[in-house]
Amino acid sequence: MVIARWSLMLLRLGAALQVVLGIGFWTGHWATAIPAHRTIGVVYVLLLWVLAVTAMIRRSHIGLALFAIVWGLAIAAVGFTQQQILVGSSHWIIRVVHLVISLAAMPIAERLARQAPSASAVA
């Protein structure tokens, strides 16, 4: 399915961009790029949801699709609130949590996209 293929490709690109921006933030650079990071993050979650809804429409992996929707909510919740969580010397913990849950969405997205009829074009 073309939607699944494009969503997955954009998710992969978004993940790469987010990691690069995140490294810049962690090293104390690029603070002015935080709005771009948030925007890309919102698109990232929306693309995950597109894959989930597509799977539900195909009646494929309904449980995983529902889990992807909840996982997207978790990514957004942590992403938008992380500046207020564990402020101080322990803030690195929430940064790592945010990174891990965000990147953990990729295998979920890969599996959802793999179930599309044009799965050979996704890989």
PDB file of N, CA and C in Angstrom:
ATOM      1  N   MET A   1       0.849  -1.178   0.000  1.00  0.00           N
ATOM      2  CA  MET A   1       0.000   0.000   0.000  1.00  0.00           C
ATOM      3  C   MET A   1       0.894   1.240   0.000  1.00  0.00           C
ATOM      4  N   VAL A   2       0.586   2.158  -0.867  1.00  0.00           N
ATOM      5  CA  VAL A   2       1.412   3.352  -1.048  1.00  0.00           C
ATOM      6  C   VAL A   2       1.449   4.199   0.223  1.00  0.00           C
ATOM      7  N   ILE A   3       0.329   4.323   0.890  1.00  0.00           N
ATOM      8  CA  ILE A   3       0.279   5.124   2.119  1.00  0.00           C
ATOM      9  C   ILE A   3       1.240   4.563   3.154  1.00  0.00           C
ATOM     10  N   ALA A   4       1.229   3.263   3.325  1.00  0.00           N
ATOM     11  CA  ALA A   4       2.114   2.628   4.304  1.00  0.00           C
ATOM     12  C   ALA A   4       3.576   2.839   3.932  1.00  0.00           C
ATOM     13  N   ARG A   5       3.896   2.677   2.664  1.00  0.00           N
ATOM     14  CA  ARG A   5       5.283   2.823   2.223  1.00  0.00           C
ATOM     15  C   ARG A   5       5.784   4.249   2.466  1.00  0.00           C
ATOM     16  N   TRP A   6       4.992   5.246   2.056  1.00  0.00           N
ATOM     17  CA  TRP A   6       5.401   6.640   2.246  1.00  0.00           C
ATOM     18  C   TRP A   6       5.451   7.027   3.720  1.00  0.00           C
ATOM     19  N   SER A   7       4.486   6.560   4.485  1.00  0.00           N
ATOM     20  CA  SER A   7       4.487   6.863   5.918  1.00  0.00           C
ATOM     21  C   SER A   7       5.734   6.304   6.584  1.00  0.00           C
ATOM     22  N   LEU A   8       6.089   5.077   6.225  1.00  0.00           N
ATOM     23  CA  LEU A   8       7.270   4.457   6.817  1.00  0.00           C
ATOM     24  C   LEU A   8       8.546   5.185   6.400  1.00  0.00           C
ATOM     25  N   MET A   9       8.650   5.562   5.139  1.00  0.00           N
ATOM     26  CA  MET A   9       9.845   6.286   4.687  1.00  0.00           C
ATOM     27  C   MET A   9       9.974   7.628   5.416  1.00  0.00           C
ATOM     28  N   LEU A  10       8.868   8.333   5.575  1.00  0.00           N
ATOM     29  CA  LEU A  10       8.898   9.616   6.285  1.00  0.00           C
ATOM     30  C   LEU A  10       9.203   9.425   7.770  1.00  0.00           C
ATOM     31  N   LEU A  11       8.700   8.349   8.353  1.00  0.00           N
ATOM     32  CA  LEU A  11       9.022   8.035   9.752  1.00  0.00           C
ATOM     33  C   LEU A  11      10.519   7.798   9.924  1.00  0.00           C
ATOM     34  N   ARG A  12      11.101   7.046   9.011  1.00  0.00           N
ATOM     35  CA  ARG A  12      12.540   6.797   9.070  1.00  0.00           C
ATOM     36  C   ARG A  12      13.324   8.091   8.969  1.00  0.00           C
ATOM     37  N   LEU A  13      12.931   8.953   8.036  1.00  0.00           N
ATOM     38  CA  LEU A  13      13.593  10.246   7.889  1.00  0.00           C
ATOM     39  C   LEU A  13      13.412  11.089   9.156  1.00  0.00           C
ATOM     40  N   GLY A  14      12.199  11.095   9.690  1.00  0.00           N
ATOM     41  CA  GLY A  14      11.925  11.844  10.913  1.00  0.00           C
ATOM     42  C   GLY A  14      12.760  11.354  12.079  1.00  0.00           C
ATOM     43  N   ALA A  15      12.905  10.045  12.213  1.00  0.00           N
ATOM     44  CA  ALA A  15      13.712   9.489  13.297  1.00  0.00           C
ATOM     45  C   ALA A  15      15.157   9.956  13.184  1.00  0.00           C
ATOM     46  N   ALA A  16      15.695   9.919  11.977  1.00  0.00           N
ATOM     47  CA  ALA A  16      17.079  10.360  11.776  1.00  0.00           C
ATOM     48  C   ALA A  16      17.243  11.841  12.110  1.00  0.00           C
ATOM     49  N   LEU A  17      16.326  12.667  11.636  1.00  0.00           N
ATOM     50  CA  LEU A  17      16.392  14.105  11.929  1.00  0.00           C
ATOM     51  C   LEU A  17      16.271  14.368  13.425  1.00  0.00           C
ATOM     52  N   GLN A  18      15.368  13.660  14.082  1.00  0.00           N
ATOM     53  CA  GLN A  18      15.161  13.865  15.511  1.00  0.00           C
ATOM     54  C   GLN A  18      16.399  13.477  16.323  1.00  0.00           C
ATOM     55  N   VAL A  19      17.051  12.409  15.939  1.00  0.00           N
ATOM     56  CA  VAL A  19      18.261  12.001  16.659  1.00  0.00           C
ATOM     57  C   VAL A  19      19.356  13.054  16.480  1.00  0.00           C
ATOM     58  N   VAL A  20      19.529  13.552  15.267  1.00  0.00           N
ATOM     59  CA  VAL A  20      20.543  14.589  15.029  1.00  0.00           C
ATOM     60  C   VAL A  20      20.229  15.841  15.842  1.00  0.00           C
ATOM     61  N   LEU A  21      18.981  16.270  15.806  1.00  0.00           N
ATOM     62  CA  LEU A  21      18.601  17.450  16.598  1.00  0.00           C
ATOM     63  C   LEU A  21      18.767  17.185  18.091  1.00  0.00           C
ATOM     64  N   GLY A  22      18.372  15.995  18.532  1.00  0.00           N
ATOM     65  CA  GLY A  22      18.508  15.644  19.951  1.00  0.00           C
ATOM     66  C   GLY A  22      19.945  15.685  20.420  1.00  0.00           C
ATOM     67  N   ILE A  23      20.851  15.199  19.595  1.00  0.00           N
ATOM     68  CA  ILE A  23      22.280  15.272  19.952  1.00  0.00           C
ATOM     69  C   ILE A  23      22.702  16.719  20.101  1.00  0.00           C
ATOM     70  N   GLY A  24      22.222  17.560  19.207  1.00  0.00           N
ATOM     71  CA  GLY A  24      22.530  18.992  19.319  1.00  0.00           C
ATOM     72  C   GLY A  24      22.000  19.599  20.609  1.00  0.00           C
ATOM     73  N   PHE A  25      20.809  19.203  21.014  1.00  0.00           N
ATOM     74  CA  PHE A  25      20.246  19.725  22.264  1.00  0.00           C
ATOM     75  C   PHE A  25      21.043  19.224  23.458  1.00  0.00           C
ATOM     76  N   TRP A  26      21.371  17.932  23.455  1.00  0.00           N
ATOM     77  CA  TRP A  26      22.094  17.339  24.579  1.00  0.00           C
ATOM     78  C   TRP A  26      23.472  17.945  24.746  1.00  0.00           C
ATOM     79  N   THR A  27      24.066  18.380  23.663  1.00  0.00           N
ATOM     80  CA  THR A  27      25.406  18.979  23.748  1.00  0.00           C
ATOM     81  C   THR A  27      25.345  20.478  24.006  1.00  0.00           C
ATOM     82  N   GLY A  28      24.144  20.994  24.190  1.00  0.00           N
ATOM     83  CA  GLY A  28      23.993  22.402  24.527  1.00  0.00           C
ATOM     84  C   GLY A  28      23.910  23.322  23.327  1.00  0.00           C
ATOM     85  N   HIS A  29      23.670  22.788  22.164  1.00  0.00           N
ATOM     86  CA  HIS A  29      23.575  23.578  20.942  1.00  0.00           C
ATOM     87  C   HIS A  29      22.146  23.543  20.403  1.00  0.00           C
ATOM     88  N   TRP A  30      21.874  24.376  19.464  1.00  0.00           N
ATOM     89  CA  TRP A  30      20.636  24.350  18.681  1.00  0.00           C
ATOM     90  C   TRP A  30      19.355  24.514  19.489  1.00  0.00           C
ATOM     91  N   ALA A  31      19.408  25.202  20.610  1.00  0.00           N
ATOM     92  CA  ALA A  31      18.192  25.398  21.410  1.00  0.00           C
ATOM     93  C   ALA A  31      17.102  26.098  20.600  1.00  0.00           C
ATOM     94  N   THR A  32      17.500  26.882  19.616  1.00  0.00           N
ATOM     95  CA  THR A  32      16.507  27.572  18.793  1.00  0.00           C
ATOM     96  C   THR A  32      15.761  26.611  17.865  1.00  0.00           C
ATOM     97  N   ALA A  33      16.255  25.385  17.737  1.00  0.00           N
ATOM     98  CA  ALA A  33      15.610  24.401  16.861  1.00  0.00           C
ATOM     99  C   ALA A  33      14.570  23.552  17.594  1.00  0.00           C
ATOM    100  N   ILE A  34      14.320  23.855  18.860  1.00  0.00           N
ATOM    101  CA  ILE A  34      13.343  23.068  19.629  1.00  0.00           C
ATOM    102  C   ILE A  34      11.958  23.101  18.977  1.00  0.00           C
ATOM    103  N   PRO A  35      11.465  24.250  18.481  1.00  0.00           N
ATOM    104  CA  PRO A  35      10.159  24.217  17.799  1.00  0.00           C
ATOM    105  C   PRO A  35      10.145  23.290  16.572  1.00  0.00           C
ATOM    106  N   ALA A  36      11.226  23.246  15.835  1.00  0.00           N
ATOM    107  CA  ALA A  36      11.309  22.332  14.687  1.00  0.00           C
ATOM    108  C   ALA A  36      11.285  20.889  15.172  1.00  0.00           C
ATOM    109  N   HIS A  37      11.979  20.616  16.263  1.00  0.00           N
ATOM    110  CA  HIS A  37      12.007  19.275  16.839  1.00  0.00           C
ATOM    111  C   HIS A  37      10.598  18.848  17.261  1.00  0.00           C
ATOM    112  N   ARG A  38       9.875  19.761  17.859  1.00  0.00           N
ATOM    113  CA  ARG A  38       8.501  19.455  18.276  1.00  0.00           C
ATOM    114  C   ARG A  38       7.607  19.206  17.061  1.00  0.00           C
ATOM    115  N   THR A  39       7.750  20.029  16.048  1.00  0.00           N
ATOM    116  CA  THR A  39       6.930  19.864  14.844  1.00  0.00           C
ATOM    117  C   THR A  39       7.206  18.528  14.167  1.00  0.00           C
ATOM    118  N   ILE A  40       8.483  18.189  14.026  1.00  0.00           N
ATOM    119  CA  ILE A  40       8.844  16.901  13.435  1.00  0.00           C
ATOM    120  C   ILE A  40       8.314  15.771  14.309  1.00  0.00           C
ATOM    121  N   GLY A  41       8.366  15.946  15.622  1.00  0.00           N
ATOM    122  CA  GLY A  41       7.845  14.934  16.536  1.00  0.00           C
ATOM    123  C   GLY A  41       6.353  14.718  16.386  1.00  0.00           C
ATOM    124  N   VAL A  42       5.607  15.799  16.208  1.00  0.00           N
ATOM    125  CA  VAL A  42       4.163  15.686  15.998  1.00  0.00           C
ATOM    126  C   VAL A  42       3.887  14.933  14.692  1.00  0.00           C
ATOM    127  N   VAL A  43       4.615  15.275  13.647  1.00  0.00           N
ATOM    128  CA  VAL A  43       4.452  14.582  12.362  1.00  0.00           C
ATOM    129  C   VAL A  43       4.818  13.107  12.511  1.00  0.00           C
ATOM    130  N   TYR A  44       5.874  12.831  13.259  1.00  0.00           N
ATOM    131  CA  TYR A  44       6.332  11.457  13.515  1.00  0.00           C
ATOM    132  C   TYR A  44       5.205  10.634  14.143  1.00  0.00           C
ATOM    133  N   VAL A  45       4.576  11.190  15.170  1.00  0.00           N
ATOM    134  CA  VAL A  45       3.479  10.478  15.851  1.00  0.00           C
ATOM    135  C   VAL A  45       2.281  10.340  14.914  1.00  0.00           C
ATOM    136  N   LEU A  46       1.970  11.386  14.167  1.00  0.00           N
ATOM    137  CA  LEU A  46       0.842  11.301  13.233  1.00  0.00           C
ATOM    138  C   LEU A  46       1.072  10.222  12.173  1.00  0.00           C
ATOM    139  N   LEU A  47       2.305  10.106  11.688  1.00  0.00           N
ATOM    140  CA  LEU A  47       2.619   9.067  10.707  1.00  0.00           C
ATOM    141  C   LEU A  47       2.498   7.669  11.327  1.00  0.00           C
ATOM    142  N   LEU A  48       2.902   7.539  12.576  1.00  0.00           N
ATOM    143  CA  LEU A  48       2.720   6.263  13.275  1.00  0.00           C
ATOM    144  C   LEU A  48       1.233   5.919  13.343  1.00  0.00           C
ATOM    145  N   TRP A  49       0.422   6.923  13.632  1.00  0.00           N
ATOM    146  CA  TRP A  49      -1.021   6.711  13.697  1.00  0.00           C
ATOM    147  C   TRP A  49      -1.616   6.392  12.326  1.00  0.00           C
ATOM    148  N   VAL A  50      -1.078   6.989  11.268  1.00  0.00           N
ATOM    149  CA  VAL A  50      -1.546   6.663   9.918  1.00  0.00           C
ATOM    150  C   VAL A  50      -1.328   5.174   9.653  1.00  0.00           C
ATOM    151  N   LEU A  51      -0.145   4.686  10.020  1.00  0.00           N
ATOM    152  CA  LEU A  51       0.135   3.255   9.844  1.00  0.00           C
ATOM    153  C   LEU A  51      -0.821   2.405  10.683  1.00  0.00           C
ATOM    154  N   ALA A  52      -1.096   2.854  11.887  1.00  0.00           N
ATOM    155  CA  ALA A  52      -1.997   2.105  12.765  1.00  0.00           C
ATOM    156  C   ALA A  52      -3.416   2.069  12.197  1.00  0.00           C
ATOM    157  N   VAL A  53      -3.900   3.203  11.761  1.00  0.00           N
ATOM    158  CA  VAL A  53      -5.257   3.260  11.199  1.00  0.00           C
ATOM    159  C   VAL A  53      -5.329   2.446   9.908  1.00  0.00           C
ATOM    160  N   THR A  54      -4.281   2.528   9.099  1.00  0.00           N
ATOM    161  CA  THR A  54      -4.237   1.734   7.872  1.00  0.00           C
ATOM    162  C   THR A  54      -4.321   0.248   8.195  1.00  0.00           C
ATOM    163  N   ALA A  55      -3.608  -0.177   9.222  1.00  0.00           N
ATOM    164  CA  ALA A  55      -3.662  -1.581   9.634  1.00  0.00           C
ATOM    165  C   ALA A  55      -5.057  -1.953  10.115  1.00  0.00           C
ATOM    166  N   MET A  56      -5.694  -1.059  10.851  1.00  0.00           N
ATOM    167  CA  MET A  56      -7.047  -1.345  11.333  1.00  0.00           C
ATOM    168  C   MET A  56      -8.031  -1.439  10.170  1.00  0.00           C
ATOM    169  N   ILE A  57      -7.882  -0.582   9.187  1.00  0.00           N
ATOM    170  CA  ILE A  57      -8.760  -0.631   8.016  1.00  0.00           C
ATOM    171  C   ILE A  57      -8.582  -1.956   7.284  1.00  0.00           C
ATOM    172  N   ARG A  58      -7.330  -2.428   7.212  1.00  0.00           N
ATOM    173  CA  ARG A  58      -7.031  -3.711   6.550  1.00  0.00           C
ATOM    174  C   ARG A  58      -7.384  -4.903   7.438  1.00  0.00           C
ATOM    175  N   ARG A  59      -7.751  -4.605   8.692  1.00  0.00           N
ATOM    176  CA  ARG A  59      -8.029  -5.649   9.684  1.00  0.00           C
ATOM    177  C   ARG A  59      -6.828  -6.547   9.889  1.00  0.00           C
ATOM    178  N   SER A  60      -5.685  -5.900   9.969  1.00  0.00           N
ATOM    179  CA  SER A  60      -4.419  -6.606  10.140  1.00  0.00           C
ATOM    180  C   SER A  60      -3.746  -6.097  11.410  1.00  0.00           C
ATOM    181  N   HIS A  61      -3.391  -6.982  12.293  1.00  0.00           N
ATOM    182  CA  HIS A  61      -2.690  -6.620  13.529  1.00  0.00           C
ATOM    183  C   HIS A  61      -3.429  -5.529  14.312  1.00  0.00           C
ATOM    184  N   ILE A  62      -4.683  -5.760  14.580  1.00  0.00           N
ATOM    185  CA  ILE A  62      -5.506  -4.777  15.294  1.00  0.00           C
ATOM    186  C   ILE A  62      -4.886  -4.450  16.656  1.00  0.00           C
ATOM    187  N   GLY A  63      -4.443  -5.464  17.375  1.00  0.00           N
ATOM    188  CA  GLY A  63      -3.840  -5.232  18.691  1.00  0.00           C
ATOM    189  C   GLY A  63      -2.599  -4.367  18.605  1.00  0.00           C
ATOM    190  N   LEU A  64      -1.733  -4.651  17.645  1.00  0.00           N
ATOM    191  CA  LEU A  64      -0.519  -3.848  17.461  1.00  0.00           C
ATOM    192  C   LEU A  64      -0.877  -2.431  17.034  1.00  0.00           C
ATOM    193  N   ALA A  65      -1.894  -2.294  16.205  1.00  0.00           N
ATOM    194  CA  ALA A  65      -2.325  -0.966  15.766  1.00  0.00           C
ATOM    195  C   ALA A  65      -2.837  -0.141  16.944  1.00  0.00           C
ATOM    196  N   LEU A  66      -3.629  -0.754  17.802  1.00  0.00           N
ATOM    197  CA  LEU A  66      -4.108  -0.049  18.997  1.00  0.00           C
ATOM    198  C   LEU A  66      -2.947   0.311  19.923  1.00  0.00           C
ATOM    199  N   PHE A  67      -2.005  -0.616  20.050  1.00  0.00           N
ATOM    200  CA  PHE A  67      -0.818  -0.348  20.859  1.00  0.00           C
ATOM    201  C   PHE A  67      -0.029   0.828  20.273  1.00  0.00           C
ATOM    202  N   ALA A  68       0.074   0.907  18.954  1.00  0.00           N
ATOM    203  CA  ALA A  68       0.798   2.007  18.300  1.00  0.00           C
ATOM    204  C   ALA A  68       0.143   3.353  18.595  1.00  0.00           C
ATOM    205  N   ILE A  69      -1.172   3.368  18.649  1.00  0.00           N
ATOM    206  CA  ILE A  69      -1.875   4.613  18.972  1.00  0.00           C
ATOM    207  C   ILE A  69      -1.553   5.046  20.397  1.00  0.00           C
ATOM    208  N   VAL A  70      -1.603   4.113  21.323  1.00  0.00           N
ATOM    209  CA  VAL A  70      -1.273   4.422  22.718  1.00  0.00           C
ATOM    210  C   VAL A  70       0.200   4.831  22.836  1.00  0.00           C
ATOM    211  N   TRP A  71       1.069   4.136  22.116  1.00  0.00           N
ATOM    212  CA  TRP A  71       2.501   4.438  22.151  1.00  0.00           C
ATOM    213  C   TRP A  71       2.751   5.849  21.629  1.00  0.00           C
ATOM    214  N   GLY A  72       2.051   6.234  20.580  1.00  0.00           N
ATOM    215  CA  GLY A  72       2.166   7.592  20.056  1.00  0.00           C
ATOM    216  C   GLY A  72       1.751   8.637  21.085  1.00  0.00           C
ATOM    217  N   LEU A  73       0.702   8.343  21.825  1.00  0.00           N
ATOM    218  CA  LEU A  73       0.281   9.246  22.907  1.00  0.00           C
ATOM    219  C   LEU A  73       1.368   9.362  23.973  1.00  0.00           C
ATOM    220  N   ALA A  74       2.019   8.246  24.288  1.00  0.00           N
ATOM    221  CA  ALA A  74       3.099   8.269  25.282  1.00  0.00           C
ATOM    222  C   ALA A  74       4.273   9.106  24.792  1.00  0.00           C
ATOM    223  N   ILE A  75       4.625   8.958  23.529  1.00  0.00           N
ATOM    224  CA  ILE A  75       5.723   9.751  22.955  1.00  0.00           C
ATOM    225  C   ILE A  75       5.395  11.232  23.074  1.00  0.00           C
ATOM    226  N   ALA A  76       4.180  11.592  22.670  1.00  0.00           N
ATOM    227  CA  ALA A  76       3.779  13.001  22.724  1.00  0.00           C
ATOM    228  C   ALA A  76       3.743  13.524  24.159  1.00  0.00           C
ATOM    229  N   ALA A  77       3.204  12.726  25.071  1.00  0.00           N
ATOM    230  CA  ALA A  77       3.108  13.162  26.470  1.00  0.00           C
ATOM    231  C   ALA A  77       4.485  13.418  27.056  1.00  0.00           C
ATOM    232  N   VAL A  78       5.397  12.497  26.841  1.00  0.00           N
ATOM    233  CA  VAL A  78       6.752  12.683  27.380  1.00  0.00           C
ATOM    234  C   VAL A  78       7.442  13.841  26.665  1.00  0.00           C
ATOM    235  N   GLY A  79       7.291  13.899  25.356  1.00  0.00           N
ATOM    236  CA  GLY A  79       7.950  14.958  24.591  1.00  0.00           C
ATOM    237  C   GLY A  79       7.520  16.354  25.001  1.00  0.00           C
ATOM    238  N   PHE A  80       6.228  16.551  25.188  1.00  0.00           N
ATOM    239  CA  PHE A  80       5.732  17.886  25.517  1.00  0.00           C
ATOM    240  C   PHE A  80       5.888  18.256  26.985  1.00  0.00           C
ATOM    241  N   THR A  81       6.132  17.273  27.859  1.00  0.00           N
ATOM    242  CA  THR A  81       6.251  17.580  29.287  1.00  0.00           C
ATOM    243  C   THR A  81       7.657  17.372  29.837  1.00  0.00           C
ATOM    244  N   GLN A  82       8.586  16.910  29.004  1.00  0.00           N
ATOM    245  CA  GLN A  82       9.885  16.519  29.542  1.00  0.00           C
ATOM    246  C   GLN A  82      10.663  17.665  30.192  1.00  0.00           C
ATOM    247  N   GLN A  83      10.401  18.896  29.809  1.00  0.00           N
ATOM    248  CA  GLN A  83      11.119  20.012  30.428  1.00  0.00           C
ATOM    249  C   GLN A  83      10.737  20.202  31.903  1.00  0.00           C
ATOM    250  N   GLN A  84       9.591  19.669  32.297  1.00  0.00           N
ATOM    251  CA  GLN A  84       9.139  19.784  33.686  1.00  0.00           C
ATOM    252  C   GLN A  84       9.399  18.515  34.499  1.00  0.00           C
ATOM    253  N   ILE A  85       9.933  17.472  33.872  1.00  0.00           N
ATOM    254  CA  ILE A  85      10.124  16.199  34.563  1.00  0.00           C
ATOM    255  C   ILE A  85      11.586  16.044  34.963  1.00  0.00           C
ATOM    256  N   LEU A  86      11.818  15.677  36.207  1.00  0.00           N
ATOM    257  CA  LEU A  86      13.170  15.452  36.735  1.00  0.00           C
ATOM    258  C   LEU A  86      14.117  16.603  36.404  1.00  0.00           C
ATOM    259  N   VAL A  87      13.675  17.793  36.705  1.00  0.00           N
ATOM    260  CA  VAL A  87      14.504  18.974  36.458  1.00  0.00           C
ATOM    261  C   VAL A  87      15.729  18.920  37.359  1.00  0.00           C
ATOM    262  N   GLY A  88      16.849  19.276  36.811  1.00  0.00           N
ATOM    263  CA  GLY A  88      18.089  19.267  37.576  1.00  0.00           C
ATOM    264  C   GLY A  88      19.056  18.224  37.052  1.00  0.00           C
ATOM    265  N   SER A  89      19.883  17.735  37.959  1.00  0.00           N
ATOM    266  CA  SER A  89      20.944  16.822  37.550  1.00  0.00           C
ATOM    267  C   SER A  89      20.426  15.468  37.064  1.00  0.00           C
ATOM    268  N   SER A  90      19.192  15.129  37.374  1.00  0.00           N
ATOM    269  CA  SER A  90      18.623  13.847  36.930  1.00  0.00           C
ATOM    270  C   SER A  90      17.833  13.967  35.629  1.00  0.00           C
ATOM    271  N   HIS A  91      17.833  15.139  35.021  1.00  0.00           N
ATOM    272  CA  HIS A  91      17.038  15.353  33.811  1.00  0.00           C
ATOM    273  C   HIS A  91      17.478  14.446  32.655  1.00  0.00           C
ATOM    274  N   TRP A  92      18.728  14.030  32.661  1.00  0.00           N
ATOM    275  CA  TRP A  92      19.215  13.147  31.595  1.00  0.00           C
ATOM    276  C   TRP A  92      18.393  11.871  31.516  1.00  0.00           C
ATOM    277  N   ILE A  93      17.820  11.443  32.649  1.00  0.00           N
ATOM    278  CA  ILE A  93      17.025  10.210  32.664  1.00  0.00           C
ATOM    279  C   ILE A  93      15.803  10.355  31.771  1.00  0.00           C
ATOM    280  N   ILE A  94      15.101  11.479  31.891  1.00  0.00           N
ATOM    281  CA  ILE A  94      13.903  11.676  31.067  1.00  0.00           C
ATOM    282  C   ILE A  94      14.286  11.856  29.608  1.00  0.00           C
ATOM    283  N   ARG A  95      15.440  12.429  29.345  1.00  0.00           N
ATOM    284  CA  ARG A  95      15.905  12.542  27.954  1.00  0.00           C
ATOM    285  C   ARG A  95      16.129  11.160  27.348  1.00  0.00           C
ATOM    286  N   VAL A  96      16.732  10.267  28.115  1.00  0.00           N
ATOM    287  CA  VAL A  96      16.968   8.905  27.628  1.00  0.00           C
ATOM    288  C   VAL A  96      15.637   8.181  27.449  1.00  0.00           C
ATOM    289  N   VAL A  97      14.707   8.345  28.385  1.00  0.00           N
ATOM    290  CA  VAL A  97      13.387   7.720  28.274  1.00  0.00           C
ATOM    291  C   VAL A  97      12.698   8.205  26.998  1.00  0.00           C
ATOM    292  N   HIS A  98      12.749   9.511  26.751  1.00  0.00           N
ATOM    293  CA  HIS A  98      12.134  10.083  25.556  1.00  0.00           C
ATOM    294  C   HIS A  98      12.762   9.496  24.285  1.00  0.00           C
ATOM    295  N   LEU A  99      14.067   9.397  24.262  1.00  0.00           N
ATOM    296  CA  LEU A  99      14.767   8.816  23.119  1.00  0.00           C
ATOM    297  C   LEU A  99      14.354   7.361  22.905  1.00  0.00           C
ATOM    298  N   VAL A 100      14.346   6.589  23.979  1.00  0.00           N
ATOM    299  CA  VAL A 100      14.049   5.161  23.868  1.00  0.00           C
ATOM    300  C   VAL A 100      12.609   4.921  23.411  1.00  0.00           C
ATOM    301  N   ILE A 101      11.646   5.598  24.026  1.00  0.00           N
ATOM    302  CA  ILE A 101      10.257   5.344  23.615  1.00  0.00           C
ATOM    303  C   ILE A 101       9.995   5.853  22.204  1.00  0.00           C
ATOM    304  N   SER A 102      10.667   6.914  21.809  1.00  0.00           N
ATOM    305  CA  SER A 102      10.488   7.427  20.454  1.00  0.00           C
ATOM    306  C   SER A 102      11.065   6.472  19.420  1.00  0.00           C
ATOM    307  N   LEU A 103      12.268   5.989  19.665  1.00  0.00           N
ATOM    308  CA  LEU A 103      12.888   5.061  18.713  1.00  0.00           C
ATOM    309  C   LEU A 103      12.221   3.688  18.741  1.00  0.00           C
ATOM    310  N   ALA A 104      11.625   3.325  19.868  1.00  0.00           N
ATOM    311  CA  ALA A 104      10.918   2.042  19.958  1.00  0.00           C
ATOM    312  C   ALA A 104       9.687   2.017  19.065  1.00  0.00           C
ATOM    313  N   ALA A 105       9.229   3.175  18.624  1.00  0.00           N
ATOM    314  CA  ALA A 105       8.093   3.226  17.706  1.00  0.00           C
ATOM    315  C   ALA A 105       8.471   2.703  16.318  1.00  0.00           C
ATOM    316  N   MET A 106       9.742   2.747  15.983  1.00  0.00           N
ATOM    317  CA  MET A 106      10.154   2.326  14.641  1.00  0.00           C
ATOM    318  C   MET A 106       9.883   0.848  14.363  1.00  0.00           C
ATOM    319  N   PRO A 107      10.251  -0.078  15.240  1.00  0.00           N
ATOM    320  CA  PRO A 107       9.914  -1.483  14.945  1.00  0.00           C
ATOM    321  C   PRO A 107       8.403  -1.721  14.867  1.00  0.00           C
ATOM    322  N   ILE A 108       7.646  -0.972  15.650  1.00  0.00           N
ATOM    323  CA  ILE A 108       6.188  -1.074  15.587  1.00  0.00           C
ATOM    324  C   ILE A 108       5.721  -0.624  14.209  1.00  0.00           C
ATOM    325  N   ALA A 109       6.223   0.510  13.757  1.00  0.00           N
ATOM    326  CA  ALA A 109       5.854   1.042  12.440  1.00  0.00           C
ATOM    327  C   ALA A 109       6.296   0.104  11.326  1.00  0.00           C
ATOM    328  N   GLU A 110       7.488  -0.441  11.452  1.00  0.00           N
ATOM    329  CA  GLU A 110       7.998  -1.369  10.431  1.00  0.00           C
ATOM    330  C   GLU A 110       7.074  -2.581  10.309  1.00  0.00           C
ATOM    331  N   ARG A 111       6.653  -3.105  11.436  1.00  0.00           N
ATOM    332  CA  ARG A 111       5.789  -4.290  11.402  1.00  0.00           C
ATOM    333  C   ARG A 111       4.420  -3.959  10.836  1.00  0.00           C
ATOM    334  N   LEU A 112       3.870  -2.808  11.212  1.00  0.00           N
ATOM    335  CA  LEU A 112       2.578  -2.403  10.667  1.00  0.00           C
ATOM    336  C   LEU A 112       2.670  -2.199   9.158  1.00  0.00           C
ATOM    337  N   ALA A 113       3.730  -1.557   8.693  1.00  0.00           N
ATOM    338  CA  ALA A 113       3.891  -1.287   7.265  1.00  0.00           C
ATOM    339  C   ALA A 113       4.161  -2.564   6.484  1.00  0.00           C
ATOM    340  N   ARG A 114       4.838  -3.508   7.081  1.00  0.00           N
ATOM    341  CA  ARG A 114       5.178  -4.767   6.413  1.00  0.00           C
ATOM    342  C   ARG A 114       3.937  -5.550   6.032  1.00  0.00           C
ATOM    343  N   GLN A 115       2.840  -5.327   6.714  1.00  0.00           N
ATOM    344  CA  GLN A 115       1.609  -6.064   6.440  1.00  0.00           C
ATOM    345  C   GLN A 115       0.844  -5.499   5.259  1.00  0.00           C
ATOM    346  N   ALA A 116       1.321  -4.383   4.709  1.00  0.00           N
ATOM    347  CA  ALA A 116       0.624  -3.776   3.567  1.00  0.00           C
ATOM    348  C   ALA A 116       0.773  -4.663   2.330  1.00  0.00           C
ATOM    349  N   PRO A 117      -0.188  -4.631   1.402  1.00  0.00           N
ATOM    350  CA  PRO A 117      -0.101  -5.460   0.209  1.00  0.00           C
ATOM    351  C   PRO A 117       1.170  -5.262  -0.606  1.00  0.00           C
ATOM    352  N   SER A 118       1.738  -4.052  -0.588  1.00  0.00           N
ATOM    353  CA  SER A 118       2.956  -3.804  -1.343  1.00  0.00           C
ATOM    354  C   SER A 118       4.176  -3.920  -0.436  1.00  0.00           C
ATOM    355  N   ALA A 119       4.166  -4.908   0.438  1.00  0.00           N
ATOM    356  CA  ALA A 119       5.235  -5.055   1.433  1.00  0.00           C
ATOM    357  C   ALA A 119       6.604  -5.191   0.810  1.00  0.00           C
ATOM    358  N   SER A 120       6.705  -5.768  -0.386  1.00  0.00           N
ATOM    359  CA  SER A 120       8.019  -5.911  -1.012  1.00  0.00           C
ATOM    360  C   SER A 120       8.630  -4.564  -1.332  1.00  0.00           C
ATOM    361  N   ALA A 121       7.792  -3.544  -1.555  1.00  0.00           N
ATOM    362  CA  ALA A 121       8.315  -2.214  -1.858  1.00  0.00           C
ATOM    363  C   ALA A 121       8.750  -1.470  -0.609  1.00  0.00           C
ATOM    364  N   VAL A 122       8.298  -1.921   0.575  1.00  0.00           N
ATOM    365  CA  VAL A 122       8.655  -1.237   1.831  1.00  0.00           C
ATOM    366  C   VAL A 122      10.068  -1.571   2.253  1.00  0.00           C
ATOM    367  N   ALA A 123      10.457  -2.804   2.140  1.00  0.00           N
ATOM    368  CA  ALA A 123      11.769  -3.251   2.628  1.00  0.00           C
ATOM    369  C   ALA A 123      12.859  -2.744   1.768  1.00  0.00           C
TER     370      ALA A 123
END
